[in-house]
Amino acid sequence: MRNRILVVTTLAALSFTGACKKPPVVTPQPPAPAEAPPSKPARPPEPPVKEVPPETFQQPPVQIHEDSVDDLNQRGVLQTIHFEYDQSEIRAEDRAILQANAAWLKSNPKWRVRIDAHCDERGTLKYNLALGEGRAAATRAYLVSLGIAEARMRIVSYGEERPIDPGHNDEAWAQNRRAEFFVEN
């Protein structure tokens, strides 16, 4: 019986010591290092820039778009001027327009220009044709004074036949008294 008590006591002690046993301390593993992104290959150093004298640098030839006569006239590269009633003198406010037209003609020497002069509906057909002729001639003479060769210009008088405004009032008449410019070959 003593053996029995000894066995029971031993078993109880063993079970008690097993139950009170502390769990083993687990030391956490350091986290695995994050995978580094693949490194970019090193760029070779830039070669030194050599200074090139400006006179040795050559521009590639510039491609110039050649406008047609219709393109130029549609874009209105030359501006219209206007006249006072029954007058063929160039108005002060139209001189700047003629100077701009002359500058364009100077920078585009291959083009010729036709000057179409118009009148309002007042006056006879014959009188308005003559007045239109005088307006076109005065316009051409002013351009000649600005350095445009007379041979590059031709004049046409339409008198009252081609009004830009069909109205019968001062505003319409003021619009119709004009000299228009058309680029020609």
N, C-alpha and C. Protein backbone atom coordinates (compact mmCIF):
# COMPACT_ATOMS: atom_id res chain seq x y z
N MET A 1 0.78 -1.13 0.00
CA MET A 1 0.00 0.00 0.00
C MET A 1 0.87 1.25 0.00
N ARG A 2 1.87 1.10 0.58
CA ARG A 2 2.81 2.18 0.57
C ARG A 2 3.32 2.45 -0.83
N ASN A 3 3.43 1.46 -1.54
CA ASN A 3 3.87 1.63 -2.92
C ASN A 3 2.81 2.38 -3.73
N ARG A 4 1.63 2.04 -3.34
CA ARG A 4 0.55 2.66 -4.05
C ARG A 4 0.53 4.15 -3.73
N ILE A 5 0.64 4.48 -2.54
CA ILE A 5 0.62 5.88 -2.13
C ILE A 5 1.81 6.58 -2.78
N LEU A 6 2.90 5.92 -2.81
CA LEU A 6 4.08 6.52 -3.40
C LEU A 6 3.86 6.75 -4.89
N VAL A 7 3.23 5.86 -5.56
CA VAL A 7 3.00 5.98 -7.00
C VAL A 7 2.00 7.11 -7.23
N VAL A 8 0.93 7.15 -6.40
CA VAL A 8 -0.10 8.17 -6.57
C VAL A 8 0.53 9.55 -6.30
N THR A 9 1.31 9.67 -5.27
CA THR A 9 1.93 10.93 -4.92
C THR A 9 2.90 11.35 -6.03
N THR A 10 3.63 10.44 -6.54
CA THR A 10 4.60 10.77 -7.59
C THR A 10 3.86 11.23 -8.85
N LEU A 11 2.81 10.52 -9.14
CA LEU A 11 2.04 10.90 -10.31
C LEU A 11 1.42 12.29 -10.13
N ALA A 12 0.90 12.53 -8.96
CA ALA A 12 0.29 13.83 -8.68
C ALA A 12 1.34 14.93 -8.76
N ALA A 13 2.53 14.64 -8.21
CA ALA A 13 3.58 15.66 -8.25
C ALA A 13 4.02 15.93 -9.69
N LEU A 14 4.10 14.87 -10.46
CA LEU A 14 4.52 15.05 -11.84
C LEU A 14 3.47 15.84 -12.64
N SER A 15 2.23 15.51 -12.39
CA SER A 15 1.20 16.23 -13.13
C SER A 15 1.14 17.69 -12.69
N PHE A 16 1.39 17.92 -11.39
CA PHE A 16 1.38 19.29 -10.87
C PHE A 16 2.55 20.08 -11.45
N THR A 17 3.72 19.50 -11.50
CA THR A 17 4.88 20.19 -12.05
C THR A 17 4.71 20.40 -13.55
N GLY A 18 4.07 19.54 -14.22
CA GLY A 18 3.86 19.70 -15.67
C GLY A 18 2.85 20.81 -15.93
N ALA A 19 1.88 20.94 -15.03
CA ALA A 19 0.85 21.96 -15.22
C ALA A 19 1.40 23.34 -14.91
N CYS A 20 2.35 23.42 -13.99
CA CYS A 20 2.88 24.71 -13.59
C CYS A 20 4.06 25.13 -14.43
N LYS A 21 4.38 24.32 -15.31
CA LYS A 21 5.54 24.63 -16.13
C LYS A 21 5.26 25.87 -16.99
N LYS A 22 6.19 26.77 -17.05
CA LYS A 22 6.04 27.98 -17.85
C LYS A 22 6.23 27.60 -19.32
N PRO A 23 5.46 28.28 -20.16
CA PRO A 23 5.66 27.98 -21.58
C PRO A 23 7.03 28.50 -22.01
N PRO A 24 7.61 27.81 -22.92
CA PRO A 24 8.94 28.24 -23.35
C PRO A 24 8.85 29.63 -23.99
N VAL A 25 9.82 30.45 -23.73
CA VAL A 25 9.88 31.81 -24.28
C VAL A 25 10.33 31.70 -25.73
N VAL A 26 9.46 32.23 -26.57
CA VAL A 26 9.78 32.20 -27.99
C VAL A 26 10.26 33.59 -28.36
N THR A 27 11.45 33.67 -28.81
CA THR A 27 11.97 34.97 -29.23
C THR A 27 11.55 35.19 -30.68
N PRO A 28 10.92 36.31 -30.91
CA PRO A 28 10.45 36.53 -32.28
C PRO A 28 11.63 36.70 -33.24
N GLN A 29 11.43 36.14 -34.39
CA GLN A 29 12.46 36.26 -35.44
C GLN A 29 12.40 37.68 -36.01
N PRO A 30 13.50 38.30 -36.26
CA PRO A 30 13.42 39.61 -36.90
C PRO A 30 12.77 39.45 -38.28
N PRO A 31 11.96 40.44 -38.65
CA PRO A 31 11.29 40.31 -39.96
C PRO A 31 12.32 40.23 -41.07
N ALA A 32 11.93 39.48 -42.06
CA ALA A 32 12.82 39.32 -43.21
C ALA A 32 12.95 40.69 -43.88
N PRO A 33 14.12 41.07 -44.28
CA PRO A 33 14.28 42.38 -44.93
C PRO A 33 13.41 42.44 -46.18
N ALA A 34 12.78 43.62 -46.35
CA ALA A 34 11.94 43.82 -47.53
C ALA A 34 12.82 43.73 -48.77
N GLU A 35 12.21 43.17 -49.77
CA GLU A 35 12.98 42.99 -50.98
C GLU A 35 13.23 44.36 -51.59
N ALA A 36 14.43 44.71 -51.81
CA ALA A 36 14.78 46.01 -52.38
C ALA A 36 14.40 46.01 -53.85
N PRO A 37 13.87 47.14 -54.33
CA PRO A 37 13.54 47.18 -55.77
C PRO A 37 14.82 47.01 -56.58
N PRO A 38 14.64 46.43 -57.73
CA PRO A 38 15.86 46.24 -58.54
C PRO A 38 16.48 47.61 -58.82
N SER A 39 17.74 47.67 -58.65
CA SER A 39 18.43 48.95 -58.84
C SER A 39 18.54 49.23 -60.34
N LYS A 40 18.43 50.53 -60.67
CA LYS A 40 18.56 50.94 -62.07
C LYS A 40 20.04 50.88 -62.42
N PRO A 41 20.28 50.52 -63.64
CA PRO A 41 21.70 50.52 -64.02
C PRO A 41 22.21 51.96 -63.97
N ALA A 42 23.37 52.12 -63.53
CA ALA A 42 23.96 53.46 -63.42
C ALA A 42 24.09 54.06 -64.81
N ARG A 43 23.68 55.36 -64.94
CA ARG A 43 23.82 56.05 -66.22
C ARG A 43 25.26 56.45 -66.41
N PRO A 44 25.72 56.26 -67.60
CA PRO A 44 27.09 56.70 -67.84
C PRO A 44 27.12 58.22 -67.75
N PRO A 45 28.20 58.78 -67.35
CA PRO A 45 28.27 60.24 -67.23
C PRO A 45 28.09 60.88 -68.61
N GLU A 46 27.45 62.06 -68.60
CA GLU A 46 27.21 62.80 -69.84
C GLU A 46 28.56 63.27 -70.40
N PRO A 47 28.72 63.15 -71.71
CA PRO A 47 29.97 63.65 -72.28
C PRO A 47 29.97 65.17 -72.18
N PRO A 48 31.11 65.78 -72.05
CA PRO A 48 31.16 67.24 -71.96
C PRO A 48 30.64 67.87 -73.26
N VAL A 49 29.92 68.97 -73.10
CA VAL A 49 29.36 69.67 -74.26
C VAL A 49 30.43 70.58 -74.84
N LYS A 50 30.62 70.45 -76.12
CA LYS A 50 31.60 71.30 -76.79
C LYS A 50 30.89 72.55 -77.27
N GLU A 51 31.50 73.66 -77.06
CA GLU A 51 30.97 74.92 -77.56
C GLU A 51 31.20 74.98 -79.06
N VAL A 52 30.12 75.21 -79.81
CA VAL A 52 30.23 75.31 -81.26
C VAL A 52 30.06 76.77 -81.62
N PRO A 53 31.01 77.34 -82.31
CA PRO A 53 30.85 78.75 -82.71
C PRO A 53 29.60 78.90 -83.57
N PRO A 54 28.84 79.97 -83.38
CA PRO A 54 27.59 80.14 -84.11
C PRO A 54 27.75 80.11 -85.62
N GLU A 55 28.86 80.57 -86.12
CA GLU A 55 29.02 80.61 -87.57
C GLU A 55 29.17 79.22 -88.18
N THR A 56 29.52 78.19 -87.38
CA THR A 56 29.66 76.85 -87.94
C THR A 56 28.37 76.06 -87.81
N PHE A 57 27.40 76.55 -87.05
CA PHE A 57 26.13 75.86 -86.90
C PHE A 57 25.24 76.19 -88.09
N GLN A 58 24.72 75.17 -88.73
CA GLN A 58 23.88 75.41 -89.89
C GLN A 58 22.47 74.94 -89.61
N GLN A 59 21.54 75.81 -89.88
CA GLN A 59 20.13 75.49 -89.72
C GLN A 59 19.73 74.57 -90.87
N PRO A 60 18.81 73.62 -90.58
CA PRO A 60 18.28 72.85 -91.71
C PRO A 60 17.44 73.78 -92.58
N PRO A 61 17.34 73.50 -93.85
CA PRO A 61 16.56 74.39 -94.71
C PRO A 61 15.11 74.45 -94.24
N VAL A 62 14.57 75.64 -94.25
CA VAL A 62 13.19 75.85 -93.81
C VAL A 62 12.27 75.55 -94.97
N GLN A 63 11.26 74.72 -94.70
CA GLN A 63 10.27 74.42 -95.72
C GLN A 63 9.22 75.53 -95.69
N ILE A 64 9.12 76.26 -96.75
CA ILE A 64 8.17 77.37 -96.84
C ILE A 64 6.93 76.86 -97.55
N HIS A 65 5.80 77.04 -96.86
CA HIS A 65 4.53 76.68 -97.48
C HIS A 65 4.15 77.77 -98.46
N GLU A 66 3.98 77.40 -99.67
CA GLU A 66 3.67 78.36 -100.71
C GLU A 66 2.14 78.54 -100.74
N ASP A 67 1.69 79.74 -100.39
CA ASP A 67 0.27 80.05 -100.43
C ASP A 67 -0.16 80.28 -101.86
N SER A 68 -1.39 79.89 -102.15
CA SER A 68 -1.94 80.20 -103.46
C SER A 68 -2.53 81.60 -103.41
N VAL A 69 -2.82 82.15 -104.57
CA VAL A 69 -3.44 83.46 -104.66
C VAL A 69 -4.76 83.45 -103.91
N ASP A 70 -5.53 82.38 -104.10
CA ASP A 70 -6.83 82.28 -103.41
C ASP A 70 -6.66 82.25 -101.90
N ASP A 71 -5.64 81.51 -101.40
CA ASP A 71 -5.38 81.48 -99.96
C ASP A 71 -5.07 82.87 -99.42
N LEU A 72 -4.21 83.59 -100.12
CA LEU A 72 -3.82 84.92 -99.67
C LEU A 72 -5.02 85.87 -99.64
N ASN A 73 -5.83 85.82 -100.69
CA ASN A 73 -6.99 86.71 -100.75
C ASN A 73 -8.07 86.30 -99.75
N GLN A 74 -8.20 85.02 -99.52
CA GLN A 74 -9.18 84.55 -98.54
C GLN A 74 -8.77 84.96 -97.13
N ARG A 75 -7.47 84.92 -96.84
CA ARG A 75 -6.97 85.33 -95.52
C ARG A 75 -7.00 86.85 -95.36
N GLY A 76 -7.13 87.56 -96.44
CA GLY A 76 -7.18 89.02 -96.38
C GLY A 76 -5.85 89.63 -95.96
N VAL A 77 -4.76 89.22 -96.63
CA VAL A 77 -3.45 89.75 -96.26
C VAL A 77 -3.33 91.24 -96.56
N LEU A 78 -4.15 91.72 -97.48
CA LEU A 78 -4.18 93.15 -97.80
C LEU A 78 -5.54 93.71 -97.37
N GLN A 79 -5.50 94.84 -96.71
CA GLN A 79 -6.71 95.42 -96.11
C GLN A 79 -7.37 96.46 -97.03
N THR A 80 -8.67 96.60 -96.86
CA THR A 80 -9.48 97.56 -97.60
C THR A 80 -9.39 98.94 -96.97
N ILE A 81 -9.42 99.98 -97.82
CA ILE A 81 -9.51 101.36 -97.31
C ILE A 81 -10.83 101.98 -97.78
N HIS A 82 -11.22 103.08 -97.16
CA HIS A 82 -12.49 103.75 -97.48
C HIS A 82 -12.25 105.22 -97.82
N PHE A 83 -13.25 105.83 -98.44
CA PHE A 83 -13.15 107.22 -98.89
C PHE A 83 -14.35 108.01 -98.39
N GLU A 84 -14.16 109.31 -98.33
CA GLU A 84 -15.25 110.23 -98.01
C GLU A 84 -16.15 110.39 -99.24
N TYR A 85 -17.32 110.90 -99.03
CA TYR A 85 -18.27 111.12 -100.12
C TYR A 85 -17.67 112.05 -101.18
N ASP A 86 -17.75 111.59 -102.41
CA ASP A 86 -17.33 112.37 -103.58
C ASP A 86 -15.84 112.77 -103.52
N GLN A 87 -15.02 111.95 -102.85
CA GLN A 87 -13.59 112.25 -102.70
C GLN A 87 -12.75 111.06 -103.18
N SER A 88 -11.53 111.37 -103.61
CA SER A 88 -10.57 110.32 -103.97
C SER A 88 -9.28 110.46 -103.18
N GLU A 89 -9.26 111.39 -102.22
CA GLU A 89 -8.06 111.56 -101.38
C GLU A 89 -7.99 110.45 -100.33
N ILE A 90 -6.77 110.04 -100.02
CA ILE A 90 -6.55 109.02 -98.99
C ILE A 90 -6.79 109.66 -97.62
N ARG A 91 -7.67 109.05 -96.83
CA ARG A 91 -7.95 109.58 -95.49
C ARG A 91 -6.78 109.27 -94.56
N ALA A 92 -6.61 110.13 -93.56
CA ALA A 92 -5.50 109.96 -92.60
C ALA A 92 -5.56 108.59 -91.93
N GLU A 93 -6.75 108.14 -91.54
CA GLU A 93 -6.87 106.85 -90.84
C GLU A 93 -6.58 105.66 -91.74
N ASP A 94 -6.60 105.87 -93.07
CA ASP A 94 -6.31 104.76 -93.99
C ASP A 94 -4.84 104.69 -94.40
N ARG A 95 -4.07 105.70 -94.04
CA ARG A 95 -2.64 105.68 -94.39
C ARG A 95 -1.92 104.53 -93.70
N ALA A 96 -2.27 104.25 -92.45
CA ALA A 96 -1.63 103.13 -91.73
C ALA A 96 -1.96 101.80 -92.40
N ILE A 97 -3.18 101.66 -92.89
CA ILE A 97 -3.57 100.44 -93.61
C ILE A 97 -2.73 100.30 -94.88
N LEU A 98 -2.58 101.39 -95.61
CA LEU A 98 -1.77 101.34 -96.84
C LEU A 98 -0.30 101.08 -96.53
N GLN A 99 0.19 101.60 -95.43
CA GLN A 99 1.58 101.31 -95.03
C GLN A 99 1.75 99.83 -94.71
N ALA A 100 0.77 99.24 -94.05
CA ALA A 100 0.82 97.79 -93.76
C ALA A 100 0.74 96.99 -95.06
N ASN A 101 -0.12 97.41 -95.97
CA ASN A 101 -0.21 96.73 -97.27
C ASN A 101 1.12 96.83 -98.03
N ALA A 102 1.73 98.01 -97.99
CA ALA A 102 3.03 98.20 -98.66
C ALA A 102 4.10 97.32 -98.03
N ALA A 103 4.09 97.21 -96.70
CA ALA A 103 5.07 96.35 -96.02
C ALA A 103 4.90 94.90 -96.47
N TRP A 104 3.66 94.45 -96.59
CA TRP A 104 3.43 93.07 -97.04
C TRP A 104 3.93 92.92 -98.48
N LEU A 105 3.63 93.86 -99.31
CA LEU A 105 4.07 93.78 -100.71
C LEU A 105 5.59 93.80 -100.82
N LYS A 106 6.26 94.59 -99.99
CA LYS A 106 7.73 94.62 -100.00
C LYS A 106 8.31 93.27 -99.56
N SER A 107 7.68 92.64 -98.59
CA SER A 107 8.21 91.36 -98.10
C SER A 107 7.78 90.18 -98.98
N ASN A 108 6.91 90.43 -99.94
CA ASN A 108 6.45 89.39 -100.88
C ASN A 108 6.56 89.93 -102.31
N PRO A 109 7.78 90.14 -102.78
CA PRO A 109 7.97 90.83 -104.07
C PRO A 109 7.49 90.07 -105.29
N LYS A 110 7.23 88.79 -105.16
CA LYS A 110 6.81 88.05 -106.35
C LYS A 110 5.34 88.25 -106.68
N TRP A 111 4.58 88.82 -105.76
CA TRP A 111 3.15 89.00 -105.98
C TRP A 111 2.83 90.38 -106.53
N ARG A 112 1.82 90.40 -107.37
CA ARG A 112 1.26 91.65 -107.90
C ARG A 112 -0.06 91.88 -107.19
N VAL A 113 -0.61 93.08 -107.35
CA VAL A 113 -1.87 93.40 -106.68
C VAL A 113 -2.81 94.13 -107.65
N ARG A 114 -4.09 93.81 -107.52
CA ARG A 114 -5.12 94.52 -108.26
C ARG A 114 -5.88 95.37 -107.26
N ILE A 115 -6.06 96.65 -107.57
CA ILE A 115 -6.79 97.57 -106.71
C ILE A 115 -8.15 97.82 -107.36
N ASP A 116 -9.20 97.36 -106.69
CA ASP A 116 -10.57 97.55 -107.17
C ASP A 116 -11.19 98.71 -106.39
N ALA A 117 -11.61 99.75 -107.11
CA ALA A 117 -12.21 100.92 -106.45
C ALA A 117 -13.72 100.93 -106.68
N HIS A 118 -14.45 101.38 -105.66
CA HIS A 118 -15.91 101.36 -105.68
C HIS A 118 -16.46 102.69 -105.17
N CYS A 119 -17.72 102.94 -105.52
CA CYS A 119 -18.42 104.15 -105.10
C CYS A 119 -19.77 103.77 -104.51
N ASP A 120 -20.42 104.73 -103.88
CA ASP A 120 -21.79 104.46 -103.45
C ASP A 120 -22.73 104.73 -104.63
N GLU A 121 -24.00 104.51 -104.44
CA GLU A 121 -24.97 104.56 -105.52
C GLU A 121 -25.35 105.97 -105.98
N ARG A 122 -24.93 106.97 -105.27
CA ARG A 122 -25.29 108.33 -105.64
C ARG A 122 -24.41 108.81 -106.79
N GLY A 123 -24.98 109.48 -107.72
CA GLY A 123 -24.24 109.93 -108.91
C GLY A 123 -24.55 109.05 -110.10
N THR A 124 -24.17 109.50 -111.27
CA THR A 124 -24.45 108.73 -112.50
C THR A 124 -23.43 107.60 -112.63
N LEU A 125 -23.75 106.65 -113.45
CA LEU A 125 -22.83 105.53 -113.70
C LEU A 125 -21.49 106.04 -114.22
N LYS A 126 -21.55 106.96 -115.18
CA LYS A 126 -20.32 107.50 -115.78
C LYS A 126 -19.50 108.25 -114.73
N TYR A 127 -20.15 109.07 -113.94
CA TYR A 127 -19.45 109.83 -112.90
C TYR A 127 -18.81 108.89 -111.88
N ASN A 128 -19.54 107.87 -111.44
CA ASN A 128 -19.01 106.94 -110.43
C ASN A 128 -17.87 106.09 -110.98
N LEU A 129 -17.92 105.74 -112.25
CA LEU A 129 -16.78 105.02 -112.84
C LEU A 129 -15.53 105.89 -112.83
N ALA A 130 -15.69 107.18 -113.17
CA ALA A 130 -14.56 108.11 -113.17
C ALA A 130 -14.06 108.34 -111.74
N LEU A 131 -14.99 108.48 -110.78
CA LEU A 131 -14.59 108.67 -109.38
C LEU A 131 -13.85 107.43 -108.86
N GLY A 132 -14.34 106.25 -109.20
CA GLY A 132 -13.66 105.01 -108.82
C GLY A 132 -12.26 104.93 -109.41
N GLU A 133 -12.14 105.35 -110.66
CA GLU A 133 -10.82 105.38 -111.32
C GLU A 133 -9.87 106.31 -110.56
N GLY A 134 -10.37 107.47 -110.15
CA GLY A 134 -9.55 108.41 -109.39
C GLY A 134 -9.15 107.84 -108.03
N ARG A 135 -10.05 107.13 -107.38
CA ARG A 135 -9.73 106.51 -106.08
C ARG A 135 -8.67 105.44 -106.24
N ALA A 136 -8.80 104.61 -107.27
CA ALA A 136 -7.81 103.55 -107.50
C ALA A 136 -6.44 104.15 -107.83
N ALA A 137 -6.45 105.21 -108.65
CA ALA A 137 -5.19 105.86 -109.03
C ALA A 137 -4.53 106.51 -107.82
N ALA A 138 -5.32 107.15 -106.94
CA ALA A 138 -4.76 107.78 -105.73
C ALA A 138 -4.18 106.72 -104.80
N THR A 139 -4.85 105.60 -104.72
CA THR A 139 -4.36 104.51 -103.87
C THR A 139 -3.04 103.97 -104.41
N ARG A 140 -2.99 103.74 -105.70
CA ARG A 140 -1.75 103.25 -106.33
C ARG A 140 -0.62 104.27 -106.14
N ALA A 141 -0.91 105.54 -106.34
CA ALA A 141 0.12 106.58 -106.19
C ALA A 141 0.66 106.61 -104.76
N TYR A 142 -0.22 106.41 -103.78
CA TYR A 142 0.26 106.40 -102.40
C TYR A 142 1.18 105.19 -102.17
N LEU A 143 0.82 104.04 -102.69
CA LEU A 143 1.68 102.86 -102.55
C LEU A 143 3.02 103.06 -103.26
N VAL A 144 3.00 103.72 -104.42
CA VAL A 144 4.25 104.02 -105.13
C VAL A 144 5.12 104.92 -104.26
N SER A 145 4.49 105.89 -103.57
CA SER A 145 5.27 106.77 -102.69
C SER A 145 5.89 106.01 -101.52
N LEU A 146 5.34 104.85 -101.21
CA LEU A 146 5.88 104.01 -100.14
C LEU A 146 6.90 102.99 -100.65
N GLY A 147 7.20 103.05 -101.96
CA GLY A 147 8.26 102.19 -102.50
C GLY A 147 7.78 100.98 -103.26
N ILE A 148 6.50 100.88 -103.57
CA ILE A 148 6.00 99.74 -104.34
C ILE A 148 6.04 100.13 -105.82
N ALA A 149 6.59 99.26 -106.64
CA ALA A 149 6.71 99.55 -108.08
C ALA A 149 5.32 99.61 -108.71
N GLU A 150 5.10 100.65 -109.49
CA GLU A 150 3.81 100.83 -110.16
C GLU A 150 3.47 99.63 -111.05
N ALA A 151 4.49 99.01 -111.63
CA ALA A 151 4.29 97.87 -112.52
C ALA A 151 3.69 96.65 -111.80
N ARG A 152 3.78 96.62 -110.49
CA ARG A 152 3.22 95.49 -109.72
C ARG A 152 1.74 95.68 -109.41
N MET A 153 1.17 96.83 -109.82
CA MET A 153 -0.22 97.12 -109.47
C MET A 153 -1.03 97.44 -110.72
N ARG A 154 -2.25 96.97 -110.71
CA ARG A 154 -3.18 97.39 -111.77
C ARG A 154 -4.45 97.85 -111.07
N ILE A 155 -5.15 98.77 -111.71
CA ILE A 155 -6.35 99.34 -111.08
C ILE A 155 -7.59 99.05 -111.92
N VAL A 156 -8.71 98.91 -111.22
CA VAL A 156 -10.00 98.66 -111.85
C VAL A 156 -11.03 99.51 -111.11
N SER A 157 -11.92 100.16 -111.86
CA SER A 157 -13.01 100.91 -111.24
C SER A 157 -14.32 100.19 -111.55
N TYR A 158 -15.08 99.92 -110.50
CA TYR A 158 -16.39 99.31 -110.67
C TYR A 158 -17.51 100.32 -110.44
N GLY A 159 -17.14 101.54 -110.13
CA GLY A 159 -18.16 102.55 -109.87
C GLY A 159 -19.09 102.08 -108.76
N GLU A 160 -20.39 102.12 -109.01
CA GLU A 160 -21.38 101.72 -108.01
C GLU A 160 -21.89 100.30 -108.22
N GLU A 161 -21.30 99.58 -109.18
CA GLU A 161 -21.84 98.29 -109.61
C GLU A 161 -21.69 97.14 -108.62
N ARG A 162 -20.78 97.22 -107.69
CA ARG A 162 -20.55 96.10 -106.75
C ARG A 162 -20.59 96.59 -105.31
N PRO A 163 -21.76 96.96 -104.83
CA PRO A 163 -21.83 97.43 -103.44
C PRO A 163 -21.59 96.28 -102.47
N ILE A 164 -20.92 96.59 -101.37
CA ILE A 164 -20.71 95.57 -100.33
C ILE A 164 -21.90 95.54 -99.38
N ASP A 165 -22.60 96.67 -99.28
CA ASP A 165 -23.80 96.80 -98.45
C ASP A 165 -24.92 97.34 -99.35
N PRO A 166 -25.98 96.57 -99.55
CA PRO A 166 -27.04 97.01 -100.47
C PRO A 166 -27.98 98.08 -99.90
N GLY A 167 -27.72 98.53 -98.68
CA GLY A 167 -28.58 99.53 -98.06
C GLY A 167 -28.54 100.87 -98.77
N HIS A 168 -29.51 101.71 -98.41
CA HIS A 168 -29.62 103.03 -99.04
C HIS A 168 -29.56 104.10 -97.95
N ASN A 169 -28.49 104.05 -97.15
CA ASN A 169 -28.33 105.02 -96.07
C ASN A 169 -26.84 105.35 -95.92
N ASP A 170 -26.55 106.28 -95.02
CA ASP A 170 -25.15 106.74 -94.86
C ASP A 170 -24.21 105.61 -94.48
N GLU A 171 -24.65 104.70 -93.61
CA GLU A 171 -23.77 103.60 -93.19
C GLU A 171 -23.43 102.70 -94.37
N ALA A 172 -24.41 102.35 -95.16
CA ALA A 172 -24.18 101.50 -96.34
C ALA A 172 -23.28 102.22 -97.33
N TRP A 173 -23.57 103.48 -97.60
CA TRP A 173 -22.78 104.23 -98.57
C TRP A 173 -21.33 104.34 -98.12
N ALA A 174 -21.10 104.54 -96.81
CA ALA A 174 -19.73 104.65 -96.30
C ALA A 174 -18.96 103.34 -96.53
N GLN A 175 -19.63 102.21 -96.40
CA GLN A 175 -18.98 100.91 -96.64
C GLN A 175 -18.67 100.70 -98.12
N ASN A 176 -19.52 101.23 -98.97
CA ASN A 176 -19.38 101.01 -100.41
C ASN A 176 -18.30 101.89 -101.04
N ARG A 177 -17.94 102.99 -100.42
CA ARG A 177 -16.87 103.87 -100.94
C ARG A 177 -15.53 103.31 -100.48
N ARG A 178 -14.93 102.44 -101.31
CA ARG A 178 -13.76 101.69 -100.84
C ARG A 178 -12.81 101.36 -101.99
N ALA A 179 -11.59 100.96 -101.58
CA ALA A 179 -10.62 100.37 -102.51
C ALA A 179 -10.21 99.05 -101.87
N GLU A 180 -10.40 97.98 -102.63
CA GLU A 180 -10.05 96.63 -102.15
C GLU A 180 -8.81 96.16 -102.89
N PHE A 181 -8.07 95.25 -102.23
CA PHE A 181 -6.81 94.77 -102.79
C PHE A 181 -6.89 93.27 -102.98
N PHE A 182 -6.47 92.80 -104.15
CA PHE A 182 -6.46 91.38 -104.45
C PHE A 182 -5.08 90.99 -104.98
N VAL A 183 -4.49 89.98 -104.34
CA VAL A 183 -3.19 89.48 -104.77
C VAL A 183 -3.37 88.73 -106.08
N GLU A 184 -2.44 88.95 -107.01
CA GLU A 184 -2.46 88.27 -108.31
C GLU A 184 -1.08 87.69 -108.58
N ASN A 185 -1.05 86.76 -109.54
CA ASN A 185 0.24 86.20 -109.97
C ASN A 185 0.99 87.22 -110.80
